[in-house]
Amino acid sequence: MTDELPIAECGLDLPGPAAQQERYGRLADSVTGMERRPGRLRVLFGTDVDPALVEATLAVERRCCAFFRLEFDARTRRLEIGVERPEQDPAIDALRFALSSG
């Protein structure tokens, strides 16, 4: 076990982070609310969100950062992001920032 943030373990290749950042930026335009608690982030999207874009973004995130627990309910347009270990919690803030800077 290391003291490094899990985000440093990202498995994306060189063009991958820029493309993922662009996807998060597009999603940020549809965010209507966020609730941050220790170990989790709840993101609410408006009716204009593209569910396929959310799912594509999450698929990439699952491949590169498997420590995230990611659940999206397309019906309610709610995304739940969580981590299991306290030392992983700061990585949630990176996604919060990405989803708030559209």
N, C-alpha and C. Protein backbone atom coordinates (compact mmCIF):
# COMPACT_ATOMS: atom_id res chain seq x y z
N MET A 1 0.86 -1.18 0.00
CA MET A 1 0.00 0.00 0.00
C MET A 1 0.90 1.23 0.00
N THR A 2 0.58 2.22 -0.84
CA THR A 2 1.37 3.44 -0.89
C THR A 2 0.57 4.60 -0.34
N ASP A 3 1.26 5.71 -0.12
CA ASP A 3 0.59 6.91 0.35
C ASP A 3 0.14 7.80 -0.79
N GLU A 4 0.34 7.36 -2.04
CA GLU A 4 -0.03 8.17 -3.19
C GLU A 4 -1.54 8.15 -3.39
N LEU A 5 -2.03 9.22 -3.99
CA LEU A 5 -3.44 9.25 -4.33
C LEU A 5 -3.73 8.21 -5.40
N PRO A 6 -4.87 7.55 -5.35
CA PRO A 6 -5.20 6.54 -6.35
C PRO A 6 -5.29 7.12 -7.74
N ILE A 7 -5.56 8.42 -7.85
CA ILE A 7 -5.67 9.03 -9.18
C ILE A 7 -4.36 8.89 -9.94
N ALA A 8 -3.24 8.75 -9.23
CA ALA A 8 -1.95 8.57 -9.88
C ALA A 8 -1.85 7.22 -10.57
N GLU A 9 -2.77 6.32 -10.26
CA GLU A 9 -2.77 4.99 -10.85
C GLU A 9 -3.61 4.92 -12.12
N CYS A 10 -3.98 6.06 -12.66
CA CYS A 10 -4.83 6.10 -13.84
C CYS A 10 -4.20 5.32 -14.99
N GLY A 11 -5.00 4.51 -15.65
CA GLY A 11 -4.50 3.67 -16.71
C GLY A 11 -4.77 4.20 -18.11
N LEU A 12 -5.12 5.48 -18.25
CA LEU A 12 -5.37 6.02 -19.58
C LEU A 12 -4.07 6.27 -20.32
N ASP A 13 -4.10 6.03 -21.64
CA ASP A 13 -2.93 6.35 -22.45
C ASP A 13 -2.85 7.86 -22.67
N LEU A 14 -1.83 8.34 -23.35
CA LEU A 14 -1.57 9.76 -23.45
C LEU A 14 -2.74 10.61 -23.95
N PRO A 15 -3.44 10.25 -25.04
CA PRO A 15 -4.57 11.11 -25.43
C PRO A 15 -5.82 10.90 -24.58
N GLY A 16 -5.85 9.83 -23.80
CA GLY A 16 -7.02 9.49 -23.02
C GLY A 16 -7.47 10.53 -22.02
N PRO A 17 -6.57 11.10 -21.21
CA PRO A 17 -7.01 12.09 -20.23
C PRO A 17 -7.68 13.32 -20.85
N ALA A 18 -7.17 13.79 -21.97
CA ALA A 18 -7.77 14.96 -22.62
C ALA A 18 -9.17 14.64 -23.13
N ALA A 19 -9.34 13.47 -23.70
CA ALA A 19 -10.66 13.07 -24.20
C ALA A 19 -11.64 12.89 -23.05
N GLN A 20 -11.17 12.31 -21.94
CA GLN A 20 -12.03 12.13 -20.77
C GLN A 20 -12.40 13.48 -20.16
N GLN A 21 -11.45 14.37 -20.11
CA GLN A 21 -11.72 15.71 -19.59
C GLN A 21 -12.77 16.42 -20.45
N GLU A 22 -12.70 16.22 -21.75
CA GLU A 22 -13.69 16.83 -22.65
C GLU A 22 -15.07 16.24 -22.39
N ARG A 23 -15.15 14.94 -22.16
CA ARG A 23 -16.45 14.32 -21.86
C ARG A 23 -17.01 14.88 -20.56
N TYR A 24 -16.17 14.99 -19.53
CA TYR A 24 -16.63 15.56 -18.26
C TYR A 24 -17.08 17.01 -18.45
N GLY A 25 -16.38 17.77 -19.26
CA GLY A 25 -16.78 19.15 -19.53
C GLY A 25 -18.16 19.23 -20.17
N ARG A 26 -18.42 18.33 -21.11
CA ARG A 26 -19.75 18.30 -21.74
C ARG A 26 -20.83 17.92 -20.73
N LEU A 27 -20.51 16.97 -19.85
CA LEU A 27 -21.48 16.58 -18.82
C LEU A 27 -21.72 17.70 -17.82
N ALA A 28 -20.68 18.46 -17.51
CA ALA A 28 -20.80 19.55 -16.53
C ALA A 28 -21.89 20.55 -16.93
N ASP A 29 -22.08 20.72 -18.22
CA ASP A 29 -23.11 21.65 -18.69
C ASP A 29 -24.51 21.22 -18.28
N SER A 30 -24.69 19.95 -17.95
CA SER A 30 -26.01 19.42 -17.59
C SER A 30 -26.19 19.20 -16.09
N VAL A 31 -25.15 19.45 -15.30
CA VAL A 31 -25.23 19.22 -13.86
C VAL A 31 -26.14 20.26 -13.22
N THR A 32 -27.10 19.78 -12.44
CA THR A 32 -28.01 20.70 -11.74
C THR A 32 -27.76 20.73 -10.24
N GLY A 33 -26.98 19.78 -9.74
CA GLY A 33 -26.67 19.77 -8.31
C GLY A 33 -25.67 18.69 -7.97
N MET A 34 -24.97 18.92 -6.86
CA MET A 34 -24.01 17.94 -6.34
C MET A 34 -24.09 17.94 -4.83
N GLU A 35 -23.90 16.76 -4.27
CA GLU A 35 -23.86 16.60 -2.82
C GLU A 35 -22.62 15.77 -2.49
N ARG A 36 -21.71 16.36 -1.74
CA ARG A 36 -20.45 15.69 -1.39
C ARG A 36 -20.48 15.29 0.08
N ARG A 37 -20.19 14.06 0.33
CA ARG A 37 -20.03 13.53 1.69
C ARG A 37 -18.78 12.69 1.71
N PRO A 38 -18.24 12.41 2.89
CA PRO A 38 -17.05 11.56 2.94
C PRO A 38 -17.29 10.24 2.21
N GLY A 39 -16.43 9.95 1.29
CA GLY A 39 -16.52 8.68 0.57
C GLY A 39 -17.49 8.64 -0.58
N ARG A 40 -18.17 9.76 -0.85
CA ARG A 40 -19.13 9.71 -1.98
C ARG A 40 -19.46 11.10 -2.51
N LEU A 41 -19.96 11.07 -3.73
CA LEU A 41 -20.45 12.27 -4.40
C LEU A 41 -21.70 11.88 -5.17
N ARG A 42 -22.76 12.64 -4.97
CA ARG A 42 -24.00 12.44 -5.73
C ARG A 42 -24.10 13.61 -6.71
N VAL A 43 -24.33 13.27 -7.98
CA VAL A 43 -24.44 14.27 -9.03
C VAL A 43 -25.82 14.14 -9.66
N LEU A 44 -26.51 15.27 -9.77
CA LEU A 44 -27.82 15.30 -10.41
C LEU A 44 -27.70 16.05 -11.73
N PHE A 45 -28.28 15.45 -12.76
CA PHE A 45 -28.24 16.04 -14.09
C PHE A 45 -29.63 16.51 -14.50
N GLY A 46 -29.66 17.51 -15.35
CA GLY A 46 -30.91 18.00 -15.90
C GLY A 46 -31.42 17.10 -17.01
N THR A 47 -32.58 17.45 -17.52
CA THR A 47 -33.20 16.63 -18.57
C THR A 47 -32.41 16.65 -19.87
N ASP A 48 -31.49 17.61 -20.02
CA ASP A 48 -30.71 17.69 -21.25
C ASP A 48 -29.49 16.78 -21.27
N VAL A 49 -29.22 16.05 -20.19
CA VAL A 49 -28.05 15.19 -20.16
C VAL A 49 -28.19 14.06 -21.18
N ASP A 50 -27.09 13.70 -21.78
CA ASP A 50 -27.05 12.59 -22.73
C ASP A 50 -26.65 11.32 -21.96
N PRO A 51 -27.60 10.42 -21.70
CA PRO A 51 -27.28 9.22 -20.92
C PRO A 51 -26.18 8.38 -21.56
N ALA A 52 -26.12 8.37 -22.89
CA ALA A 52 -25.06 7.61 -23.57
C ALA A 52 -23.69 8.21 -23.27
N LEU A 53 -23.62 9.53 -23.17
CA LEU A 53 -22.36 10.19 -22.82
C LEU A 53 -21.96 9.87 -21.39
N VAL A 54 -22.93 9.85 -20.48
CA VAL A 54 -22.63 9.48 -19.09
C VAL A 54 -22.08 8.06 -19.06
N GLU A 55 -22.75 7.14 -19.72
CA GLU A 55 -22.31 5.73 -19.70
C GLU A 55 -20.94 5.57 -20.34
N ALA A 56 -20.68 6.27 -21.43
CA ALA A 56 -19.36 6.19 -22.08
C ALA A 56 -18.27 6.73 -21.16
N THR A 57 -18.56 7.83 -20.49
CA THR A 57 -17.60 8.42 -19.55
C THR A 57 -17.32 7.47 -18.39
N LEU A 58 -18.36 6.86 -17.87
CA LEU A 58 -18.19 5.93 -16.76
C LEU A 58 -17.45 4.66 -17.18
N ALA A 59 -17.67 4.21 -18.41
CA ALA A 59 -16.96 3.03 -18.90
C ALA A 59 -15.45 3.28 -18.93
N VAL A 60 -15.07 4.47 -19.39
CA VAL A 60 -13.65 4.82 -19.39
C VAL A 60 -13.13 4.90 -17.96
N GLU A 61 -13.89 5.53 -17.09
CA GLU A 61 -13.47 5.70 -15.69
C GLU A 61 -13.31 4.34 -15.01
N ARG A 62 -14.18 3.41 -15.30
CA ARG A 62 -14.09 2.08 -14.69
C ARG A 62 -12.82 1.35 -15.14
N ARG A 63 -12.44 1.57 -16.41
CA ARG A 63 -11.24 0.91 -16.92
C ARG A 63 -9.97 1.52 -16.33
N CYS A 64 -9.96 2.83 -16.14
CA CYS A 64 -8.72 3.47 -15.70
C CYS A 64 -8.62 3.57 -14.18
N CYS A 65 -9.72 3.71 -13.50
CA CYS A 65 -9.71 3.91 -12.04
C CYS A 65 -10.72 2.98 -11.39
N ALA A 66 -10.35 1.73 -11.32
CA ALA A 66 -11.28 0.69 -10.86
C ALA A 66 -11.68 0.85 -9.40
N PHE A 67 -10.99 1.69 -8.65
CA PHE A 67 -11.34 1.88 -7.24
C PHE A 67 -12.62 2.67 -7.04
N PHE A 68 -13.07 3.40 -8.08
CA PHE A 68 -14.33 4.13 -7.97
C PHE A 68 -15.51 3.17 -8.05
N ARG A 69 -16.52 3.43 -7.24
CA ARG A 69 -17.82 2.76 -7.38
C ARG A 69 -18.70 3.76 -8.10
N LEU A 70 -19.17 3.42 -9.27
CA LEU A 70 -19.91 4.35 -10.12
C LEU A 70 -21.26 3.73 -10.50
N GLU A 71 -22.33 4.45 -10.19
CA GLU A 71 -23.68 3.98 -10.52
C GLU A 71 -24.47 5.14 -11.10
N PHE A 72 -25.04 4.92 -12.27
CA PHE A 72 -25.86 5.94 -12.91
C PHE A 72 -27.25 5.41 -13.13
N ASP A 73 -28.24 6.17 -12.69
CA ASP A 73 -29.65 5.85 -12.90
C ASP A 73 -30.17 6.81 -13.96
N ALA A 74 -30.32 6.32 -15.18
CA ALA A 74 -30.76 7.18 -16.29
C ALA A 74 -32.16 7.72 -16.06
N ARG A 75 -33.00 6.97 -15.37
CA ARG A 75 -34.37 7.42 -15.14
C ARG A 75 -34.41 8.67 -14.27
N THR A 76 -33.63 8.67 -13.19
CA THR A 76 -33.61 9.82 -12.29
C THR A 76 -32.49 10.80 -12.62
N ARG A 77 -31.62 10.41 -13.56
CA ARG A 77 -30.47 11.22 -13.98
C ARG A 77 -29.55 11.50 -12.79
N ARG A 78 -29.34 10.47 -11.98
CA ARG A 78 -28.51 10.59 -10.77
C ARG A 78 -27.29 9.69 -10.89
N LEU A 79 -26.14 10.28 -10.63
CA LEU A 79 -24.87 9.56 -10.64
C LEU A 79 -24.34 9.50 -9.22
N GLU A 80 -23.99 8.30 -8.78
CA GLU A 80 -23.39 8.09 -7.46
C GLU A 80 -21.95 7.66 -7.67
N ILE A 81 -21.03 8.40 -7.06
CA ILE A 81 -19.61 8.09 -7.13
C ILE A 81 -19.14 7.81 -5.71
N GLY A 82 -18.49 6.69 -5.52
CA GLY A 82 -18.02 6.37 -4.18
C GLY A 82 -16.67 5.69 -4.22
N VAL A 83 -16.06 5.63 -3.05
CA VAL A 83 -14.82 4.89 -2.85
C VAL A 83 -14.96 4.08 -1.57
N GLU A 84 -14.16 3.07 -1.44
CA GLU A 84 -14.27 2.20 -0.28
C GLU A 84 -13.32 2.57 0.84
N ARG A 85 -12.16 3.12 0.51
CA ARG A 85 -11.16 3.40 1.54
C ARG A 85 -10.99 4.90 1.74
N PRO A 86 -10.80 5.34 2.97
CA PRO A 86 -10.66 6.78 3.24
C PRO A 86 -9.54 7.45 2.45
N GLU A 87 -8.44 6.75 2.22
CA GLU A 87 -7.34 7.36 1.48
C GLU A 87 -7.67 7.60 0.01
N GLN A 88 -8.76 6.99 -0.48
CA GLN A 88 -9.20 7.21 -1.86
C GLN A 88 -10.13 8.41 -1.98
N ASP A 89 -10.62 8.90 -0.87
CA ASP A 89 -11.61 9.97 -0.87
C ASP A 89 -11.18 11.22 -1.65
N PRO A 90 -9.91 11.67 -1.57
CA PRO A 90 -9.54 12.87 -2.33
C PRO A 90 -9.72 12.74 -3.84
N ALA A 91 -9.68 11.53 -4.35
CA ALA A 91 -9.86 11.33 -5.79
C ALA A 91 -11.27 11.74 -6.24
N ILE A 92 -12.24 11.65 -5.34
CA ILE A 92 -13.60 12.07 -5.68
C ILE A 92 -13.62 13.56 -6.01
N ASP A 93 -12.80 14.34 -5.34
CA ASP A 93 -12.79 15.78 -5.60
C ASP A 93 -12.32 16.11 -7.02
N ALA A 94 -11.46 15.26 -7.58
CA ALA A 94 -11.05 15.47 -8.97
C ALA A 94 -12.24 15.34 -9.91
N LEU A 95 -13.11 14.37 -9.64
CA LEU A 95 -14.31 14.21 -10.48
C LEU A 95 -15.30 15.33 -10.22
N ARG A 96 -15.40 15.75 -8.96
CA ARG A 96 -16.28 16.87 -8.64
C ARG A 96 -15.83 18.12 -9.40
N PHE A 97 -14.54 18.38 -9.40
CA PHE A 97 -14.01 19.53 -10.13
C PHE A 97 -14.29 19.39 -11.62
N ALA A 98 -14.06 18.22 -12.19
CA ALA A 98 -14.29 18.00 -13.62
C ALA A 98 -15.76 18.23 -13.99
N LEU A 99 -16.66 17.86 -13.10
CA LEU A 99 -18.09 18.02 -13.37
C LEU A 99 -18.62 19.41 -13.03
N SER A 100 -17.79 20.25 -12.50
CA SER A 100 -18.25 21.60 -12.17
C SER A 100 -17.55 22.67 -13.01
N SER A 101 -16.76 22.25 -13.95
CA SER A 101 -16.00 23.21 -14.74
C SER A 101 -16.32 23.11 -16.23
N GLY A 102 -17.60 23.05 -16.55
CA GLY A 102 -18.00 22.90 -17.94
C GLY A 102 -17.94 24.18 -18.71
